[in-house]
Amino acid sequence: MKSAYELALERTGGKLNFLSEEKKNKIADIERYYKSKIAEAELSAQQRIGKEDDPVKIAEIKEGLVTEIASLRDKCEHEKDAVREE
């Protein structure tokens, strides 16, 4: 099993790009923002599930949640990549 450091070296072609403190802070802000958005989506889905009795609708809510979380994570990674490339 490879360490995170070894995986990072592979992805960057053998060299690591060091980030300034400003970029690290921007990335941390992006992560916090999307983590809160994901938590908000999960809470909303749990509330809607709690009000539902129909198993089909519950399954639809859960599928929607999975899709929404994947979309939010994708947006998060794109924004972090944009900061890294600045």
N, C-alpha and C. Protein backbone atom coordinates (compact mmCIF):
# COMPACT_ATOMS: atom_id res chain seq x y z
N MET A 1 0.85 -1.18 0.00
CA MET A 1 0.00 0.00 0.00
C MET A 1 0.89 1.24 0.00
N LYS A 2 0.59 2.17 -0.88
CA LYS A 2 1.41 3.37 -1.01
C LYS A 2 0.94 4.45 -0.03
N SER A 3 1.89 5.26 0.40
CA SER A 3 1.55 6.37 1.28
C SER A 3 0.96 7.51 0.46
N ALA A 4 0.34 8.43 1.14
CA ALA A 4 -0.24 9.60 0.47
C ALA A 4 0.86 10.38 -0.25
N TYR A 5 2.03 10.43 0.34
CA TYR A 5 3.14 11.13 -0.28
C TYR A 5 3.53 10.49 -1.61
N GLU A 6 3.63 9.16 -1.61
CA GLU A 6 3.99 8.44 -2.84
C GLU A 6 2.92 8.62 -3.92
N LEU A 7 1.66 8.60 -3.52
CA LEU A 7 0.58 8.81 -4.49
C LEU A 7 0.64 10.22 -5.07
N ALA A 8 0.93 11.19 -4.22
CA ALA A 8 1.03 12.57 -4.68
C ALA A 8 2.19 12.73 -5.66
N LEU A 9 3.30 12.07 -5.38
CA LEU A 9 4.44 12.13 -6.30
C LEU A 9 4.08 11.53 -7.66
N GLU A 10 3.34 10.44 -7.65
CA GLU A 10 2.93 9.82 -8.91
C GLU A 10 2.03 10.75 -9.72
N ARG A 11 1.09 11.38 -9.06
CA ARG A 11 0.14 12.26 -9.76
C ARG A 11 0.82 13.49 -10.33
N THR A 12 1.87 13.96 -9.69
CA THR A 12 2.52 15.19 -10.15
C THR A 12 3.74 14.91 -11.02
N GLY A 13 3.95 13.69 -11.37
CA GLY A 13 5.08 13.35 -12.23
C GLY A 13 6.40 13.34 -11.51
N GLY A 14 6.40 13.14 -10.21
CA GLY A 14 7.63 13.02 -9.47
C GLY A 14 8.06 14.25 -8.71
N LYS A 15 7.33 15.32 -8.87
CA LYS A 15 7.68 16.52 -8.10
C LYS A 15 6.41 17.09 -7.49
N LEU A 16 6.55 17.65 -6.33
CA LEU A 16 5.41 18.25 -5.66
C LEU A 16 5.44 19.76 -5.86
N ASN A 17 4.29 20.29 -6.14
CA ASN A 17 4.17 21.74 -6.24
C ASN A 17 3.80 22.26 -4.85
N PHE A 18 4.63 23.08 -4.30
CA PHE A 18 4.35 23.60 -2.98
C PHE A 18 3.42 24.80 -3.10
N LEU A 19 2.44 24.86 -2.24
CA LEU A 19 1.43 25.90 -2.27
C LEU A 19 1.76 26.98 -1.25
N SER A 20 1.44 28.21 -1.62
CA SER A 20 1.61 29.31 -0.69
C SER A 20 0.54 29.21 0.40
N GLU A 21 0.76 29.92 1.48
CA GLU A 21 -0.21 29.92 2.57
C GLU A 21 -1.56 30.45 2.10
N GLU A 22 -1.53 31.43 1.21
CA GLU A 22 -2.78 32.00 0.69
C GLU A 22 -3.59 30.93 -0.06
N LYS A 23 -2.90 30.15 -0.90
CA LYS A 23 -3.59 29.10 -1.64
C LYS A 23 -4.09 28.00 -0.71
N LYS A 24 -3.28 27.67 0.29
CA LYS A 24 -3.72 26.66 1.26
C LYS A 24 -4.97 27.13 1.99
N ASN A 25 -5.01 28.41 2.35
CA ASN A 25 -6.18 28.95 3.03
C ASN A 25 -7.41 28.95 2.12
N LYS A 26 -7.22 29.30 0.85
CA LYS A 26 -8.33 29.27 -0.10
C LYS A 26 -8.88 27.86 -0.25
N ILE A 27 -7.99 26.90 -0.36
CA ILE A 27 -8.40 25.50 -0.50
C ILE A 27 -9.14 25.04 0.75
N ALA A 28 -8.65 25.42 1.92
CA ALA A 28 -9.31 25.06 3.17
C ALA A 28 -10.71 25.68 3.24
N ASP A 29 -10.83 26.94 2.79
CA ASP A 29 -12.14 27.60 2.76
C ASP A 29 -13.10 26.87 1.82
N ILE A 30 -12.61 26.46 0.67
CA ILE A 30 -13.43 25.72 -0.29
C ILE A 30 -13.90 24.41 0.33
N GLU A 31 -12.99 23.70 0.97
CA GLU A 31 -13.34 22.43 1.61
C GLU A 31 -14.39 22.62 2.69
N ARG A 32 -14.22 23.66 3.52
CA ARG A 32 -15.21 23.93 4.57
C ARG A 32 -16.57 24.25 3.98
N TYR A 33 -16.58 25.05 2.92
CA TYR A 33 -17.84 25.45 2.28
C TYR A 33 -18.58 24.21 1.76
N TYR A 34 -17.88 23.36 1.03
CA TYR A 34 -18.54 22.20 0.45
C TYR A 34 -18.88 21.15 1.51
N LYS A 35 -18.09 21.06 2.55
CA LYS A 35 -18.42 20.14 3.64
C LYS A 35 -19.73 20.57 4.29
N SER A 36 -19.93 21.88 4.45
CA SER A 36 -21.17 22.37 5.04
C SER A 36 -22.34 22.17 4.08
N LYS A 37 -22.11 22.32 2.77
CA LYS A 37 -23.17 22.09 1.78
C LYS A 37 -23.60 20.63 1.79
N ILE A 38 -22.64 19.71 1.91
CA ILE A 38 -22.96 18.29 1.96
C ILE A 38 -23.74 17.97 3.23
N ALA A 39 -23.33 18.53 4.35
CA ALA A 39 -24.05 18.30 5.61
C ALA A 39 -25.48 18.85 5.51
N GLU A 40 -25.62 20.00 4.87
CA GLU A 40 -26.94 20.60 4.68
C GLU A 40 -27.83 19.69 3.82
N ALA A 41 -27.27 19.14 2.77
CA ALA A 41 -28.03 18.24 1.88
C ALA A 41 -28.43 16.97 2.64
N GLU A 42 -27.52 16.43 3.45
CA GLU A 42 -27.82 15.22 4.21
C GLU A 42 -28.92 15.48 5.23
N LEU A 43 -28.86 16.62 5.90
CA LEU A 43 -29.87 16.96 6.89
C LEU A 43 -31.23 17.14 6.23
N SER A 44 -31.25 17.81 5.11
CA SER A 44 -32.49 18.03 4.38
C SER A 44 -33.09 16.69 3.94
N ALA A 45 -32.25 15.81 3.43
CA ALA A 45 -32.73 14.49 2.99
C ALA A 45 -33.27 13.69 4.17
N GLN A 46 -32.58 13.74 5.30
CA GLN A 46 -33.05 13.01 6.49
C GLN A 46 -34.41 13.52 6.94
N GLN A 47 -34.60 14.84 6.87
CA GLN A 47 -35.88 15.41 7.26
C GLN A 47 -36.99 14.96 6.31
N ARG A 48 -36.70 14.96 5.02
CA ARG A 48 -37.70 14.53 4.04
C ARG A 48 -38.00 13.04 4.20
N ILE A 49 -36.98 12.24 4.47
CA ILE A 49 -37.18 10.80 4.68
C ILE A 49 -38.04 10.56 5.92
N GLY A 50 -37.81 11.35 6.95
CA GLY A 50 -38.59 11.21 8.18
C GLY A 50 -40.07 11.47 7.98
N LYS A 51 -40.42 12.27 6.99
CA LYS A 51 -41.83 12.60 6.73
C LYS A 51 -42.49 11.63 5.75
N GLU A 52 -41.69 10.77 5.13
CA GLU A 52 -42.21 9.86 4.10
C GLU A 52 -42.53 8.49 4.66
N ASP A 53 -43.60 7.90 4.13
CA ASP A 53 -43.95 6.53 4.47
C ASP A 53 -43.76 5.60 3.28
N ASP A 54 -43.71 6.17 2.10
CA ASP A 54 -43.61 5.40 0.86
C ASP A 54 -42.16 4.99 0.61
N PRO A 55 -41.87 3.69 0.59
CA PRO A 55 -40.49 3.22 0.38
C PRO A 55 -39.90 3.66 -0.97
N VAL A 56 -40.74 3.80 -1.97
CA VAL A 56 -40.26 4.23 -3.30
C VAL A 56 -39.76 5.66 -3.22
N LYS A 57 -40.52 6.52 -2.56
CA LYS A 57 -40.10 7.93 -2.43
C LYS A 57 -38.85 8.06 -1.56
N ILE A 58 -38.76 7.22 -0.54
CA ILE A 58 -37.57 7.23 0.31
C ILE A 58 -36.34 6.85 -0.51
N ALA A 59 -36.49 5.84 -1.35
CA ALA A 59 -35.38 5.42 -2.22
C ALA A 59 -35.00 6.54 -3.19
N GLU A 60 -36.00 7.25 -3.72
CA GLU A 60 -35.73 8.38 -4.62
C GLU A 60 -34.97 9.48 -3.91
N ILE A 61 -35.35 9.76 -2.67
CA ILE A 61 -34.66 10.80 -1.89
C ILE A 61 -33.21 10.39 -1.66
N LYS A 62 -33.00 9.14 -1.32
CA LYS A 62 -31.63 8.65 -1.08
C LYS A 62 -30.80 8.71 -2.35
N GLU A 63 -31.38 8.32 -3.48
CA GLU A 63 -30.65 8.40 -4.76
C GLU A 63 -30.31 9.84 -5.10
N GLY A 64 -31.27 10.73 -4.87
CA GLY A 64 -31.02 12.15 -5.12
C GLY A 64 -29.90 12.69 -4.25
N LEU A 65 -29.87 12.23 -3.01
CA LEU A 65 -28.82 12.67 -2.09
C LEU A 65 -27.46 12.20 -2.58
N VAL A 66 -27.37 10.96 -3.00
CA VAL A 66 -26.09 10.43 -3.50
C VAL A 66 -25.62 11.25 -4.70
N THR A 67 -26.54 11.56 -5.60
CA THR A 67 -26.20 12.35 -6.79
C THR A 67 -25.76 13.75 -6.40
N GLU A 68 -26.49 14.37 -5.48
CA GLU A 68 -26.15 15.73 -5.05
C GLU A 68 -24.79 15.77 -4.37
N ILE A 69 -24.50 14.80 -3.53
CA ILE A 69 -23.20 14.77 -2.84
C ILE A 69 -22.08 14.58 -3.85
N ALA A 70 -22.27 13.71 -4.82
CA ALA A 70 -21.24 13.50 -5.85
C ALA A 70 -21.01 14.79 -6.63
N SER A 71 -22.07 15.49 -6.94
CA SER A 71 -21.95 16.75 -7.68
C SER A 71 -21.20 17.80 -6.85
N LEU A 72 -21.52 17.89 -5.58
CA LEU A 72 -20.85 18.85 -4.71
C LEU A 72 -19.37 18.52 -4.56
N ARG A 73 -19.05 17.25 -4.43
CA ARG A 73 -17.64 16.85 -4.31
C ARG A 73 -16.87 17.16 -5.59
N ASP A 74 -17.52 16.94 -6.73
CA ASP A 74 -16.90 17.25 -8.01
C ASP A 74 -16.63 18.74 -8.14
N LYS A 75 -17.60 19.56 -7.78
CA LYS A 75 -17.42 21.02 -7.83
C LYS A 75 -16.30 21.45 -6.90
N CYS A 76 -16.25 20.84 -5.73
CA CYS A 76 -15.20 21.15 -4.76
C CYS A 76 -13.83 20.87 -5.35
N GLU A 77 -13.66 19.70 -5.95
CA GLU A 77 -12.36 19.34 -6.53
C GLU A 77 -11.99 20.28 -7.68
N HIS A 78 -12.97 20.66 -8.50
CA HIS A 78 -12.69 21.58 -9.61
C HIS A 78 -12.22 22.94 -9.08
N GLU A 79 -12.89 23.42 -8.04
CA GLU A 79 -12.51 24.72 -7.47
C GLU A 79 -11.13 24.65 -6.84
N LYS A 80 -10.83 23.55 -6.15
CA LYS A 80 -9.51 23.41 -5.54
C LYS A 80 -8.43 23.32 -6.61
N ASP A 81 -8.71 22.60 -7.69
CA ASP A 81 -7.74 22.50 -8.80
C ASP A 81 -7.48 23.87 -9.42
N ALA A 82 -8.54 24.68 -9.54
CA ALA A 82 -8.38 26.01 -10.11
C ALA A 82 -7.46 26.86 -9.23
N VAL A 83 -7.60 26.75 -7.92
CA VAL A 83 -6.73 27.49 -7.00
C VAL A 83 -5.30 26.99 -7.13
N ARG A 84 -5.12 25.70 -7.22
CA ARG A 84 -3.76 25.15 -7.34
C ARG A 84 -3.07 25.62 -8.62
N GLU A 85 -3.83 25.81 -9.68
CA GLU A 85 -3.25 26.19 -10.97
C GLU A 85 -3.04 27.69 -11.13
N GLU A 86 -3.55 28.49 -10.20
CA GLU A 86 -3.39 29.95 -10.29
C GLU A 86 -1.93 30.35 -10.30
